[in-house]
């Protein structure tokens, strides 16, 4: 990995462990000390599903907030 000045930087690999939010969705913290909290189903949908322009809500098809497989998510 390189920094913004092109210098090589090496970081130890860390496993991302999702936590369960008080809303029932899994969250993951990405980006180090100044990182952001992401909803796991949003990361999966953004990576694996085509994103329609007008649709911004992701639905769990089987209504199980813990099932974040791409096949169980759709934009509505």
C-alpha atoms as a PDB file:
ATOM      1  CA  UNK A   1       0.000   0.000   0.000  1.00  0.00           C
ATOM      2  CA  UNK A   2       1.217   3.522  -0.642  1.00  0.00           C
ATOM      3  CA  UNK A   3       0.396   6.796   1.048  1.00  0.00           C
ATOM      4  CA  UNK A   4      -0.705   9.955  -0.769  1.00  0.00           C
ATOM      5  CA  UNK A   5       2.943  10.899  -1.422  1.00  0.00           C
ATOM      6  CA  UNK A   6       3.672   7.568  -3.098  1.00  0.00           C
ATOM      7  CA  UNK A   7       5.721   6.150  -0.226  1.00  0.00           C
ATOM      8  CA  UNK A   8       5.262   2.480   0.503  1.00  0.00           C
ATOM      9  CA  UNK A   9       3.459   1.731   3.729  1.00  0.00           C
ATOM     10  CA  UNK A  10       2.882  -1.649   5.246  1.00  0.00           C
ATOM     11  CA  UNK A  11       0.038  -2.363   7.598  1.00  0.00           C
ATOM     12  CA  UNK A  12      -0.671  -5.540   9.441  1.00  0.00           C
ATOM     13  CA  UNK A  13      -3.789  -7.282   8.285  1.00  0.00           C
ATOM     14  CA  UNK A  14      -6.706  -7.068  10.655  1.00  0.00           C
ATOM     15  CA  UNK A  15      -9.862  -9.088  10.557  1.00  0.00           C
ATOM     16  CA  UNK A  16     -13.028  -7.029  10.310  1.00  0.00           C
ATOM     17  CA  UNK A  17     -15.482  -8.301  12.874  1.00  0.00           C
ATOM     18  CA  UNK A  18     -19.045  -7.050  12.472  1.00  0.00           C
ATOM     19  CA  UNK A  19     -20.983  -5.963  15.534  1.00  0.00           C
ATOM     20  CA  UNK A  20     -24.730  -6.026  15.974  1.00  0.00           C
ATOM     21  CA  UNK A  21     -26.253  -2.551  16.217  1.00  0.00           C
ATOM     22  CA  UNK A  22     -29.219  -1.673  18.401  1.00  0.00           C
ATOM     23  CA  UNK A  23     -31.320  -1.552  15.196  1.00  0.00           C
ATOM     24  CA  UNK A  24     -30.575  -5.230  14.456  1.00  0.00           C
ATOM     25  CA  UNK A  25     -28.196  -4.656  11.527  1.00  0.00           C
ATOM     26  CA  UNK A  26     -24.556  -5.719  11.438  1.00  0.00           C
ATOM     27  CA  UNK A  27     -22.031  -2.863  11.319  1.00  0.00           C
ATOM     28  CA  UNK A  28     -18.349  -2.827  10.466  1.00  0.00           C
ATOM     29  CA  UNK A  29     -15.743  -0.145  11.186  1.00  0.00           C
ATOM     30  CA  UNK A  30     -13.429   0.549   8.227  1.00  0.00           C
ATOM     31  CA  UNK A  31     -10.599   3.006   7.776  1.00  0.00           C
ATOM     32  CA  UNK A  32      -8.415   3.021  10.884  1.00  0.00           C
ATOM     33  CA  UNK A  33      -8.629   5.679  13.580  1.00  0.00           C
ATOM     34  CA  UNK A  34     -10.482   8.154  11.375  1.00  0.00           C
ATOM     35  CA  UNK A  35     -12.608   5.512   9.716  1.00  0.00           C
ATOM     36  CA  UNK A  36     -16.318   5.161   9.277  1.00  0.00           C
ATOM     37  CA  UNK A  37     -18.988   2.806  10.530  1.00  0.00           C
ATOM     38  CA  UNK A  38     -20.708   0.955   7.668  1.00  0.00           C
ATOM     39  CA  UNK A  39     -23.795  -1.211   7.585  1.00  0.00           C
ATOM     40  CA  UNK A  40     -22.695  -4.615   6.322  1.00  0.00           C
ATOM     41  CA  UNK A  41     -25.697  -5.097   4.027  1.00  0.00           C
ATOM     42  CA  UNK A  42     -24.882  -1.760   2.312  1.00  0.00           C
ATOM     43  CA  UNK A  43     -21.291  -2.861   1.647  1.00  0.00           C
ATOM     44  CA  UNK A  44     -22.482  -6.169   0.174  1.00  0.00           C
ATOM     45  CA  UNK A  45     -25.145  -4.485  -1.982  1.00  0.00           C
ATOM     46  CA  UNK A  46     -22.742  -1.814  -3.260  1.00  0.00           C
ATOM     47  CA  UNK A  47     -20.173  -4.465  -4.199  1.00  0.00           C
ATOM     48  CA  UNK A  48     -22.384  -7.194  -5.647  1.00  0.00           C
ATOM     49  CA  UNK A  49     -25.653  -5.648  -6.856  1.00  0.00           C
ATOM     50  CA  UNK A  50     -26.292  -3.240  -9.698  1.00  0.00           C
ATOM     51  CA  UNK A  51     -27.203   0.098  -8.138  1.00  0.00           C
ATOM     52  CA  UNK A  52     -30.305   1.700  -9.665  1.00  0.00           C
ATOM     53  CA  UNK A  53     -30.180   5.503  -9.716  1.00  0.00           C
ATOM     54  CA  UNK A  54     -33.562   6.150  -8.119  1.00  0.00           C
ATOM     55  CA  UNK A  55     -33.491   3.388  -5.503  1.00  0.00           C
ATOM     56  CA  UNK A  56     -31.618   4.070  -2.266  1.00  0.00           C
ATOM     57  CA  UNK A  57     -33.098   1.547   0.186  1.00  0.00           C
ATOM     58  CA  UNK A  58     -31.837  -2.022   0.499  1.00  0.00           C
ATOM     59  CA  UNK A  59     -34.338  -4.699   1.502  1.00  0.00           C
ATOM     60  CA  UNK A  60     -33.560  -8.085   3.018  1.00  0.00           C
ATOM     61  CA  UNK A  61     -35.786 -10.346   0.904  1.00  0.00           C
ATOM     62  CA  UNK A  62     -36.348 -12.905   3.686  1.00  0.00           C
ATOM     63  CA  UNK A  63     -36.740 -10.111   6.308  1.00  0.00           C
ATOM     64  CA  UNK A  64     -33.747 -11.504   8.271  1.00  0.00           C
ATOM     65  CA  UNK A  65     -31.421  -8.556   9.014  1.00  0.00           C
ATOM     66  CA  UNK A  66     -28.610 -10.991   9.811  1.00  0.00           C
ATOM     67  CA  UNK A  67     -28.677 -12.630   6.355  1.00  0.00           C
ATOM     68  CA  UNK A  68     -26.452 -10.316   4.325  1.00  0.00           C
ATOM     69  CA  UNK A  69     -25.858 -12.590   1.320  1.00  0.00           C
ATOM     70  CA  UNK A  70     -26.118 -10.740  -1.987  1.00  0.00           C
ATOM     71  CA  UNK A  71     -28.881 -13.139  -3.072  1.00  0.00           C
ATOM     72  CA  UNK A  72     -30.985 -11.969  -0.114  1.00  0.00           C
ATOM     73  CA  UNK A  73     -30.630  -8.237  -0.844  1.00  0.00           C
ATOM     74  CA  UNK A  74     -32.358  -5.990  -3.356  1.00  0.00           C
ATOM     75  CA  UNK A  75     -32.680  -2.271  -3.972  1.00  0.00           C
ATOM     76  CA  UNK A  76     -36.179  -0.817  -3.549  1.00  0.00           C
END
